Amino acid sequence: MSFKPDQIYFRVTYPDSRLMYPCIETFVFLGENLVEGDQEPTWYFQPARDFGRYGSAMDPGASERPVVCLTQDNPGDMCTLEELVQLIQDADVRRASKKAT
């Protein structure tokens, strides 16, 4: 996977098994392998709300901030804006076809 620092990414989860109701979280990509001892590619994301309010968790002197780490073995489900739009449209189609039946 290829992420760009300071860019926004989205994590979409679904509370239902039919994937009709997307729940969206927004993150800022901080960088890769930021902690000494990372054994495999590790990507660091900070929730956008926290990043916007307090700045980057990587800023010098920053207090401990929430960060989500993804690895090559567990790449998670981060997506770009374009991918997010497609996921929302797909969920809309699934909801529409449910109503038609």
PDB file of N, CA and C in Angstrom:
ATOM      1  N   MET A   1       0.840  -1.178   0.000  1.00  0.00           N
ATOM      2  CA  MET A   1       0.000   0.000   0.000  1.00  0.00           C
ATOM      3  C   MET A   1       0.881   1.235   0.000  1.00  0.00           C
ATOM      4  N   SER A   2       0.348   2.279  -0.568  1.00  0.00           N
ATOM      5  CA  SER A   2       1.102   3.520  -0.653  1.00  0.00           C
ATOM      6  C   SER A   2       0.255   4.661  -0.093  1.00  0.00           C
ATOM      7  N   PHE A   3       0.712   5.238   0.996  1.00  0.00           N
ATOM      8  CA  PHE A   3       0.015   6.355   1.626  1.00  0.00           C
ATOM      9  C   PHE A   3       0.908   7.589   1.557  1.00  0.00           C
ATOM     10  N   LYS A   4       0.299   8.768   1.559  1.00  0.00           N
ATOM     11  CA  LYS A   4       1.055  10.016   1.501  1.00  0.00           C
ATOM     12  C   LYS A   4       0.898  10.775   2.814  1.00  0.00           C
ATOM     13  N   PRO A   5       2.017  11.203   3.422  1.00  0.00           N
ATOM     14  CA  PRO A   5       1.939  11.942   4.686  1.00  0.00           C
ATOM     15  C   PRO A   5       1.044  13.169   4.590  1.00  0.00           C
ATOM     16  N   ASP A   6       0.336  13.421   5.674  1.00  0.00           N
ATOM     17  CA  ASP A   6      -0.572  14.564   5.831  1.00  0.00           C
ATOM     18  C   ASP A   6      -1.819  14.482   4.945  1.00  0.00           C
ATOM     19  N   GLN A   7      -2.001  13.369   4.242  1.00  0.00           N
ATOM     20  CA  GLN A   7      -3.209  13.188   3.436  1.00  0.00           C
ATOM     21  C   GLN A   7      -4.290  12.524   4.289  1.00  0.00           C
ATOM     22  N   ILE A   8      -5.532  12.748   3.900  1.00  0.00           N
ATOM     23  CA  ILE A   8      -6.674  12.204   4.620  1.00  0.00           C
ATOM     24  C   ILE A   8      -7.070  10.860   4.016  1.00  0.00           C
ATOM     25  N   TYR A   9      -7.354   9.914   4.913  1.00  0.00           N
ATOM     26  CA  TYR A   9      -7.844   8.593   4.524  1.00  0.00           C
ATOM     27  C   TYR A   9      -9.062   8.258   5.373  1.00  0.00           C
ATOM     28  N   PHE A  10      -9.831   7.329   4.903  1.00  0.00           N
ATOM     29  CA  PHE A  10     -11.083   6.992   5.559  1.00  0.00           C
ATOM     30  C   PHE A  10     -11.120   5.506   5.887  1.00  0.00           C
ATOM     31  N   ARG A  11     -11.746   5.200   7.013  1.00  0.00           N
ATOM     32  CA  ARG A  11     -11.989   3.807   7.371  1.00  0.00           C
ATOM     33  C   ARG A  11     -13.505   3.642   7.412  1.00  0.00           C
ATOM     34  N   VAL A  12     -13.977   2.675   6.646  1.00  0.00           N
ATOM     35  CA  VAL A  12     -15.408   2.417   6.556  1.00  0.00           C
ATOM     36  C   VAL A  12     -15.695   1.072   7.212  1.00  0.00           C
ATOM     37  N   THR A  13     -16.630   1.087   8.137  1.00  0.00           N
ATOM     38  CA  THR A  13     -17.106  -0.143   8.758  1.00  0.00           C
ATOM     39  C   THR A  13     -18.616  -0.198   8.558  1.00  0.00           C
ATOM     40  N   TYR A  14     -19.151  -1.371   8.752  1.00  0.00           N
ATOM     41  CA  TYR A  14     -20.591  -1.570   8.565  1.00  0.00           C
ATOM     42  C   TYR A  14     -21.157  -2.279   9.793  1.00  0.00           C
ATOM     43  N   PRO A  15     -22.208  -1.738  10.393  1.00  0.00           N
ATOM     44  CA  PRO A  15     -22.808  -2.393  11.552  1.00  0.00           C
ATOM     45  C   PRO A  15     -23.728  -3.550  11.167  1.00  0.00           C
ATOM     46  N   ASP A  16     -23.995  -3.686   9.881  1.00  0.00           N
ATOM     47  CA  ASP A  16     -24.916  -4.723   9.410  1.00  0.00           C
ATOM     48  C   ASP A  16     -24.192  -5.689   8.477  1.00  0.00           C
ATOM     49  N   SER A  17     -24.662  -6.924   8.432  1.00  0.00           N
ATOM     50  CA  SER A  17     -24.001  -7.954   7.623  1.00  0.00           C
ATOM     51  C   SER A  17     -24.219  -7.767   6.127  1.00  0.00           C
ATOM     52  N   ARG A  18     -25.182  -6.971   5.740  1.00  0.00           N
ATOM     53  CA  ARG A  18     -25.450  -6.739   4.305  1.00  0.00           C
ATOM     54  C   ARG A  18     -24.677  -5.544   3.742  1.00  0.00           C
ATOM     55  N   LEU A  19     -23.900  -4.900   4.573  1.00  0.00           N
ATOM     56  CA  LEU A  19     -23.057  -3.756   4.162  1.00  0.00           C
ATOM     57  C   LEU A  19     -23.881  -2.632   3.531  1.00  0.00           C
ATOM     58  N   MET A  20     -24.974  -2.291   4.162  1.00  0.00           N
ATOM     59  CA  MET A  20     -25.842  -1.244   3.609  1.00  0.00           C
ATOM     60  C   MET A  20     -25.706   0.100   4.322  1.00  0.00           C
ATOM     61  N   TYR A  21     -25.130   0.111   5.522  1.00  0.00           N
ATOM     62  CA  TYR A  21     -25.074   1.335   6.313  1.00  0.00           C
ATOM     63  C   TYR A  21     -23.638   1.654   6.717  1.00  0.00           C
ATOM     64  N   PRO A  22     -22.906   2.336   5.838  1.00  0.00           N
ATOM     65  CA  PRO A  22     -21.496   2.613   6.121  1.00  0.00           C
ATOM     66  C   PRO A  22     -21.321   3.621   7.262  1.00  0.00           C
ATOM     67  N   CYS A  23     -20.357   3.333   8.122  1.00  0.00           N
ATOM     68  CA  CYS A  23     -19.932   4.241   9.180  1.00  0.00           C
ATOM     69  C   CYS A  23     -18.516   4.684   8.815  1.00  0.00           C
ATOM     70  N   ILE A  24     -18.294   5.981   8.800  1.00  0.00           N
ATOM     71  CA  ILE A  24     -17.045   6.523   8.254  1.00  0.00           C
ATOM     72  C   ILE A  24     -16.236   7.233   9.336  1.00  0.00           C
ATOM     73  N   GLU A  25     -14.953   6.884   9.419  1.00  0.00           N
ATOM     74  CA  GLU A  25     -14.011   7.574  10.291  1.00  0.00           C
ATOM     75  C   GLU A  25     -12.940   8.204   9.402  1.00  0.00           C
ATOM     76  N   THR A  26     -12.470   9.371   9.788  1.00  0.00           N
ATOM     77  CA  THR A  26     -11.475  10.096   8.997  1.00  0.00           C
ATOM     78  C   THR A  26     -10.146  10.139   9.758  1.00  0.00           C
ATOM     79  N   PHE A  27      -9.062   9.883   9.025  1.00  0.00           N
ATOM     80  CA  PHE A  27      -7.722   9.843   9.609  1.00  0.00           C
ATOM     81  C   PHE A  27      -6.746  10.648   8.768  1.00  0.00           C
ATOM     82  N   VAL A  28      -5.662  11.077   9.405  1.00  0.00           N
ATOM     83  CA  VAL A  28      -4.542  11.725   8.718  1.00  0.00           C
ATOM     84  C   VAL A  28      -3.363  10.756   8.788  1.00  0.00           C
ATOM     85  N   PHE A  29      -2.749  10.491   7.639  1.00  0.00           N
ATOM     86  CA  PHE A  29      -1.591   9.602   7.605  1.00  0.00           C
ATOM     87  C   PHE A  29      -0.376  10.353   8.123  1.00  0.00           C
ATOM     88  N   LEU A  30       0.286   9.790   9.134  1.00  0.00           N
ATOM     89  CA  LEU A  30       1.456  10.426   9.744  1.00  0.00           C
ATOM     90  C   LEU A  30       2.766   9.985   9.121  1.00  0.00           C
ATOM     91  N   GLY A  31       2.843   8.718   8.728  1.00  0.00           N
ATOM     92  CA  GLY A  31       4.070   8.219   8.142  1.00  0.00           C
ATOM     93  C   GLY A  31       4.218   6.724   8.353  1.00  0.00           C
ATOM     94  N   GLU A  32       5.319   6.199   7.852  1.00  0.00           N
ATOM     95  CA  GLU A  32       5.603   4.760   7.913  1.00  0.00           C
ATOM     96  C   GLU A  32       6.824   4.506   8.786  1.00  0.00           C
ATOM     97  N   ASN A  33       6.760   3.427   9.549  1.00  0.00           N
ATOM     98  CA  ASN A  33       7.868   2.994  10.409  1.00  0.00           C
ATOM     99  C   ASN A  33       8.412   4.151  11.255  1.00  0.00           C
ATOM    100  N   LEU A  34       7.537   4.745  12.036  1.00  0.00           N
ATOM    101  CA  LEU A  34       7.909   5.911  12.839  1.00  0.00           C
ATOM    102  C   LEU A  34       8.503   5.548  14.194  1.00  0.00           C
ATOM    103  N   VAL A  35       8.360   4.299  14.570  1.00  0.00           N
ATOM    104  CA  VAL A  35       8.852   3.859  15.878  1.00  0.00           C
ATOM    105  C   VAL A  35      10.015   2.899  15.669  1.00  0.00           C
ATOM    106  N   GLU A  36      11.089   3.159  16.391  1.00  0.00           N
ATOM    107  CA  GLU A  36      12.242   2.270  16.296  1.00  0.00           C
ATOM    108  C   GLU A  36      11.809   0.865  16.701  1.00  0.00           C
ATOM    109  N   GLY A  37      12.194  -0.093  15.916  1.00  0.00           N
ATOM    110  CA  GLY A  37      11.847  -1.471  16.216  1.00  0.00           C
ATOM    111  C   GLY A  37      10.689  -2.009  15.394  1.00  0.00           C
ATOM    112  N   ASP A  38      10.102  -1.178  14.535  1.00  0.00           N
ATOM    113  CA  ASP A  38       9.063  -1.699  13.645  1.00  0.00           C
ATOM    114  C   ASP A  38       9.698  -2.788  12.791  1.00  0.00           C
ATOM    115  N   GLN A  39       9.173  -4.005  12.870  1.00  0.00           N
ATOM    116  CA  GLN A  39       9.760  -5.149  12.192  1.00  0.00           C
ATOM    117  C   GLN A  39       9.297  -5.293  10.747  1.00  0.00           C
ATOM    118  N   GLU A  40       8.165  -4.734  10.428  1.00  0.00           N
ATOM    119  CA  GLU A  40       7.605  -4.806   9.081  1.00  0.00           C
ATOM    120  C   GLU A  40       7.032  -3.434   8.761  1.00  0.00           C
ATOM    121  N   PRO A  41       6.683  -3.186   7.511  1.00  0.00           N
ATOM    122  CA  PRO A  41       6.075  -1.895   7.204  1.00  0.00           C
ATOM    123  C   PRO A  41       4.880  -1.636   8.133  1.00  0.00           C
ATOM    124  N   THR A  42       4.944  -0.516   8.835  1.00  0.00           N
ATOM    125  CA  THR A  42       3.880  -0.123   9.764  1.00  0.00           C
ATOM    126  C   THR A  42       3.473   1.299   9.428  1.00  0.00           C
ATOM    127  N   TRP A  43       2.181   1.480   9.201  1.00  0.00           N
ATOM    128  CA  TRP A  43       1.639   2.782   8.821  1.00  0.00           C
ATOM    129  C   TRP A  43       0.901   3.380  10.002  1.00  0.00           C
ATOM    130  N   TYR A  44       1.139   4.658  10.259  1.00  0.00           N
ATOM    131  CA  TYR A  44       0.578   5.357  11.415  1.00  0.00           C
ATOM    132  C   TYR A  44      -0.438   6.402  10.959  1.00  0.00           C
ATOM    133  N   PHE A  45      -1.630   6.319  11.544  1.00  0.00           N
ATOM    134  CA  PHE A  45      -2.730   7.232  11.234  1.00  0.00           C
ATOM    135  C   PHE A  45      -3.241   7.847  12.530  1.00  0.00           C
ATOM    136  N   GLN A  46      -3.557   9.132  12.477  1.00  0.00           N
ATOM    137  CA  GLN A  46      -4.126   9.825  13.629  1.00  0.00           C
ATOM    138  C   GLN A  46      -5.555  10.229  13.279  1.00  0.00           C
ATOM    139  N   PRO A  47      -6.505  10.016  14.196  1.00  0.00           N
ATOM    140  CA  PRO A  47      -7.866  10.468  13.916  1.00  0.00           C
ATOM    141  C   PRO A  47      -7.867  11.953  13.540  1.00  0.00           C
ATOM    142  N   ALA A  48      -8.589  12.289  12.481  1.00  0.00           N
ATOM    143  CA  ALA A  48      -8.586  13.658  11.963  1.00  0.00           C
ATOM    144  C   ALA A  48      -9.096  14.664  12.992  1.00  0.00           C
ATOM    145  N   ARG A  49     -10.071  14.268  13.779  1.00  0.00           N
ATOM    146  CA  ARG A  49     -10.603  15.192  14.795  1.00  0.00           C
ATOM    147  C   ARG A  49      -9.504  15.586  15.771  1.00  0.00           C
ATOM    148  N   ASP A  50      -8.734  14.626  16.221  1.00  0.00           N
ATOM    149  CA  ASP A  50      -7.640  14.893  17.144  1.00  0.00           C
ATOM    150  C   ASP A  50      -6.537  15.706  16.462  1.00  0.00           C
ATOM    151  N   PHE A  51      -6.199  15.311  15.231  1.00  0.00           N
ATOM    152  CA  PHE A  51      -5.164  16.016  14.469  1.00  0.00           C
ATOM    153  C   PHE A  51      -5.557  17.486  14.283  1.00  0.00           C
ATOM    154  N   GLY A  52      -6.817  17.725  13.914  1.00  0.00           N
ATOM    155  CA  GLY A  52      -7.285  19.093  13.688  1.00  0.00           C
ATOM    156  C   GLY A  52      -7.292  19.945  14.945  1.00  0.00           C
ATOM    157  N   ARG A  53      -7.613  19.338  16.059  1.00  0.00           N
ATOM    158  CA  ARG A  53      -7.687  20.091  17.322  1.00  0.00           C
ATOM    159  C   ARG A  53      -6.326  20.337  17.947  1.00  0.00           C
ATOM    160  N   TYR A  54      -5.456  19.317  17.922  1.00  0.00           N
ATOM    161  CA  TYR A  54      -4.225  19.384  18.705  1.00  0.00           C
ATOM    162  C   TYR A  54      -2.945  19.296  17.892  1.00  0.00           C
ATOM    163  N   GLY A  55      -3.057  19.022  16.597  1.00  0.00           N
ATOM    164  CA  GLY A  55      -1.868  18.887  15.771  1.00  0.00           C
ATOM    165  C   GLY A  55      -1.392  17.441  15.708  1.00  0.00           C
ATOM    166  N   SER A  56      -0.338  17.248  14.993  1.00  0.00           N
ATOM    167  CA  SER A  56       0.197  15.907  14.756  1.00  0.00           C
ATOM    168  C   SER A  56       0.763  15.285  16.025  1.00  0.00           C
ATOM    169  N   ALA A  57       0.504  14.010  16.174  1.00  0.00           N
ATOM    170  CA  ALA A  57       1.090  13.262  17.288  1.00  0.00           C
ATOM    171  C   ALA A  57       2.601  13.201  17.158  1.00  0.00           C
ATOM    172  N   MET A  58       3.122  13.496  15.978  1.00  0.00           N
ATOM    173  CA  MET A  58       4.560  13.428  15.730  1.00  0.00           C
ATOM    174  C   MET A  58       5.268  14.764  15.993  1.00  0.00           C
ATOM    175  N   ASP A  59       4.517  15.822  16.280  1.00  0.00           N
ATOM    176  CA  ASP A  59       5.140  17.116  16.554  1.00  0.00           C
ATOM    177  C   ASP A  59       6.019  17.019  17.800  1.00  0.00           C
ATOM    178  N   PRO A  60       7.182  17.693  17.785  1.00  0.00           N
ATOM    179  CA  PRO A  60       8.043  17.679  18.974  1.00  0.00           C
ATOM    180  C   PRO A  60       7.282  18.233  20.181  1.00  0.00           C
ATOM    181  N   GLY A  61       7.372  17.540  21.270  1.00  0.00           N
ATOM    182  CA  GLY A  61       6.722  17.995  22.498  1.00  0.00           C
ATOM    183  C   GLY A  61       5.236  17.689  22.570  1.00  0.00           C
ATOM    184  N   ALA A  62       4.695  17.028  21.554  1.00  0.00           N
ATOM    185  CA  ALA A  62       3.271  16.700  21.575  1.00  0.00           C
ATOM    186  C   ALA A  62       3.006  15.687  22.686  1.00  0.00           C
ATOM    187  N   SER A  63       1.897  15.913  23.373  1.00  0.00           N
ATOM    188  CA  SER A  63       1.524  14.919  24.381  1.00  0.00           C
ATOM    189  C   SER A  63       1.031  13.661  23.670  1.00  0.00           C
ATOM    190  N   GLU A  64       0.878  12.609  24.414  1.00  0.00           N
ATOM    191  CA  GLU A  64       0.469  11.343  23.806  1.00  0.00           C
ATOM    192  C   GLU A  64      -0.886  11.510  23.122  1.00  0.00           C
ATOM    193  N   ARG A  65      -0.962  11.158  21.860  1.00  0.00           N
ATOM    194  CA  ARG A  65      -2.169  11.311  21.051  1.00  0.00           C
ATOM    195  C   ARG A  65      -2.606   9.938  20.555  1.00  0.00           C
ATOM    196  N   PRO A  66      -3.901   9.779  20.279  1.00  0.00           N
ATOM    197  CA  PRO A  66      -4.353   8.494  19.739  1.00  0.00           C
ATOM    198  C   PRO A  66      -3.820   8.276  18.329  1.00  0.00           C
ATOM    199  N   VAL A  67      -3.349   7.070  18.067  1.00  0.00           N
ATOM    200  CA  VAL A  67      -2.819   6.714  16.761  1.00  0.00           C
ATOM    201  C   VAL A  67      -3.269   5.297  16.432  1.00  0.00           C
ATOM    202  N   VAL A  68      -3.605   5.066  15.176  1.00  0.00           N
ATOM    203  CA  VAL A  68      -3.958   3.740  14.691  1.00  0.00           C
ATOM    204  C   VAL A  68      -2.794   3.248  13.843  1.00  0.00           C
ATOM    205  N   CYS A  69      -2.324   2.038  14.125  1.00  0.00           N
ATOM    206  CA  CYS A  69      -1.222   1.451  13.373  1.00  0.00           C
ATOM    207  C   CYS A  69      -1.737   0.292  12.529  1.00  0.00           C
ATOM    208  N   LEU A  70      -1.333   0.273  11.282  1.00  0.00           N
ATOM    209  CA  LEU A  70      -1.651  -0.830  10.383  1.00  0.00           C
ATOM    210  C   LEU A  70      -0.341  -1.419   9.893  1.00  0.00           C
ATOM    211  N   THR A  71      -0.341  -2.729   9.660  1.00  0.00           N
ATOM    212  CA  THR A  71       0.865  -3.393   9.182  1.00  0.00           C
ATOM    213  C   THR A  71       0.559  -4.152   7.901  1.00  0.00           C
ATOM    214  N   GLN A  72       1.617  -4.647   7.304  1.00  0.00           N
ATOM    215  CA  GLN A  72       1.472  -5.419   6.077  1.00  0.00           C
ATOM    216  C   GLN A  72       0.603  -6.652   6.317  1.00  0.00           C
ATOM    217  N   ASP A  73       0.735  -7.267   7.498  1.00  0.00           N
ATOM    218  CA  ASP A  73      -0.082  -8.429   7.841  1.00  0.00           C
ATOM    219  C   ASP A  73      -1.519  -8.051   8.182  1.00  0.00           C
ATOM    220  N   ASN A  74      -1.719  -6.817   8.633  1.00  0.00           N
ATOM    221  CA  ASN A  74      -3.044  -6.337   8.990  1.00  0.00           C
ATOM    222  C   ASN A  74      -3.238  -4.953   8.369  1.00  0.00           C
ATOM    223  N   PRO A  75      -3.464  -4.893   7.046  1.00  0.00           N
ATOM    224  CA  PRO A  75      -3.515  -3.601   6.359  1.00  0.00           C
ATOM    225  C   PRO A  75      -4.760  -2.774   6.666  1.00  0.00           C
ATOM    226  N   GLY A  76      -5.725  -3.366   7.361  1.00  0.00           N
ATOM    227  CA  GLY A  76      -6.914  -2.601   7.700  1.00  0.00           C
ATOM    228  C   GLY A  76      -7.722  -2.277   6.463  1.00  0.00           C
ATOM    229  N   ASP A  77      -8.507  -1.258   6.578  1.00  0.00           N
ATOM    230  CA  ASP A  77      -9.418  -0.927   5.495  1.00  0.00           C
ATOM    231  C   ASP A  77      -9.435   0.566   5.194  1.00  0.00           C
ATOM    232  N   MET A  78      -8.274   1.200   5.257  1.00  0.00           N
ATOM    233  CA  MET A  78      -8.192   2.621   4.923  1.00  0.00           C
ATOM    234  C   MET A  78      -8.412   2.794   3.424  1.00  0.00           C
ATOM    235  N   CYS A  79      -9.100   3.872   3.065  1.00  0.00           N
ATOM    236  CA  CYS A  79      -9.341   4.124   1.648  1.00  0.00           C
ATOM    237  C   CYS A  79      -9.211   5.610   1.342  1.00  0.00           C
ATOM    238  N   THR A  80      -9.069   5.915   0.078  1.00  0.00           N
ATOM    239  CA  THR A  80      -8.978   7.291  -0.394  1.00  0.00           C
ATOM    240  C   THR A  80     -10.384   7.868  -0.550  1.00  0.00           C
ATOM    241  N   LEU A  81     -10.467   9.141  -0.838  1.00  0.00           N
ATOM    242  CA  LEU A  81     -11.761   9.782  -1.069  1.00  0.00           C
ATOM    243  C   LEU A  81     -12.498   9.123  -2.230  1.00  0.00           C
ATOM    244  N   GLU A  82     -11.784   8.842  -3.301  1.00  0.00           N
ATOM    245  CA  GLU A  82     -12.409   8.221  -4.468  1.00  0.00           C
ATOM    246  C   GLU A  82     -12.968   6.843  -4.116  1.00  0.00           C
ATOM    247  N   GLU A  83     -12.206   6.078  -3.353  1.00  0.00           N
ATOM    248  CA  GLU A  83     -12.674   4.755  -2.931  1.00  0.00           C
ATOM    249  C   GLU A  83     -13.860   4.878  -1.978  1.00  0.00           C
ATOM    250  N   LEU A  84     -13.829   5.887  -1.113  1.00  0.00           N
ATOM    251  CA  LEU A  84     -14.935   6.126  -0.192  1.00  0.00           C
ATOM    252  C   LEU A  84     -16.227   6.403  -0.948  1.00  0.00           C
ATOM    253  N   VAL A  85     -16.153   7.259  -1.949  1.00  0.00           N
ATOM    254  CA  VAL A  85     -17.331   7.574  -2.752  1.00  0.00           C
ATOM    255  C   VAL A  85     -17.912   6.298  -3.351  1.00  0.00           C
ATOM    256  N   GLN A  86     -17.051   5.444  -3.871  1.00  0.00           N
ATOM    257  CA  GLN A  86     -17.518   4.189  -4.468  1.00  0.00           C
ATOM    258  C   GLN A  86     -18.174   3.285  -3.417  1.00  0.00           C
ATOM    259  N   LEU A  87     -17.582   3.191  -2.238  1.00  0.00           N
ATOM    260  CA  LEU A  87     -18.146   2.359  -1.175  1.00  0.00           C
ATOM    261  C   LEU A  87     -19.528   2.859  -0.753  1.00  0.00           C
ATOM    262  N   ILE A  88     -19.690   4.174  -0.673  1.00  0.00           N
ATOM    263  CA  ILE A  88     -20.990   4.745  -0.309  1.00  0.00           C
ATOM    264  C   ILE A  88     -22.016   4.490  -1.414  1.00  0.00           C
ATOM    265  N   GLN A  89     -21.598   4.659  -2.658  1.00  0.00           N
ATOM    266  CA  GLN A  89     -22.505   4.381  -3.773  1.00  0.00           C
ATOM    267  C   GLN A  89     -22.908   2.907  -3.790  1.00  0.00           C
ATOM    268  N   ASP A  90     -21.975   2.018  -3.536  1.00  0.00           N
ATOM    269  CA  ASP A  90     -22.280   0.591  -3.494  1.00  0.00           C
ATOM    270  C   ASP A  90     -23.295   0.283  -2.394  1.00  0.00           C
ATOM    271  N   ALA A  91     -23.124   0.898  -1.240  1.00  0.00           N
ATOM    272  CA  ALA A  91     -24.078   0.692  -0.142  1.00  0.00           C
ATOM    273  C   ALA A  91     -25.453   1.225  -0.521  1.00  0.00           C
ATOM    274  N   ASP A  92     -25.482   2.342  -1.215  1.00  0.00           N
ATOM    275  CA  ASP A  92     -26.752   2.917  -1.666  1.00  0.00           C
ATOM    276  C   ASP A  92     -27.472   1.964  -2.623  1.00  0.00           C
ATOM    277  N   VAL A  93     -26.715   1.355  -3.525  1.00  0.00           N
ATOM    278  CA  VAL A  93     -27.291   0.382  -4.471  1.00  0.00           C
ATOM    279  C   VAL A  93     -27.844  -0.815  -3.701  1.00  0.00           C
ATOM    280  N   ARG A  94     -27.108  -1.290  -2.705  1.00  0.00           N
ATOM    281  CA  ARG A  94     -27.594  -2.430  -1.924  1.00  0.00           C
ATOM    282  C   ARG A  94     -28.884  -2.074  -1.183  1.00  0.00           C
ATOM    283  N   ARG A  95     -28.953  -0.875  -0.615  1.00  0.00           N
ATOM    284  CA  ARG A  95     -30.171  -0.454   0.071  1.00  0.00           C
ATOM    285  C   ARG A  95     -31.331  -0.340  -0.906  1.00  0.00           C
ATOM    286  N   ALA A  96     -31.069   0.218  -2.079  1.00  0.00           N
ATOM    287  CA  ALA A  96     -32.133   0.381  -3.091  1.00  0.00           C
ATOM    288  C   ALA A  96     -32.651  -0.977  -3.553  1.00  0.00           C
ATOM    289  N   SER A  97     -31.757  -1.952  -3.744  1.00  0.00           N
ATOM    290  CA  SER A  97     -32.220  -3.263  -4.210  1.00  0.00           C
ATOM    291  C   SER A  97     -32.990  -3.986  -3.105  1.00  0.00           C
ATOM    292  N   LYS A  98     -32.685  -3.690  -1.855  1.00  0.00           N
ATOM    293  CA  LYS A  98     -33.443  -4.294  -0.755  1.00  0.00           C
ATOM    294  C   LYS A  98     -34.875  -3.759  -0.764  1.00  0.00           C
ATOM    295  N   LYS A  99     -35.027  -2.462  -1.032  1.00  0.00           N
ATOM    296  CA  LYS A  99     -36.357  -1.854  -1.061  1.00  0.00           C
ATOM    297  C   LYS A  99     -37.183  -2.370  -2.237  1.00  0.00           C
ATOM    298  N   ALA A 100     -36.488  -2.746  -3.319  1.00  0.00           N
ATOM    299  CA  ALA A 100     -37.201  -3.204  -4.514  1.00  0.00           C
ATOM    300  C   ALA A 100     -37.710  -4.633  -4.342  1.00  0.00           C
ATOM    301  N   THR A 101     -37.196  -5.360  -3.358  1.00  0.00           N
ATOM    302  CA  THR A 101     -37.643  -6.749  -3.193  1.00  0.00           C
ATOM    303  C   THR A 101     -38.761  -6.868  -2.176  1.00  0.00           C
TER     304      THR A 101
END
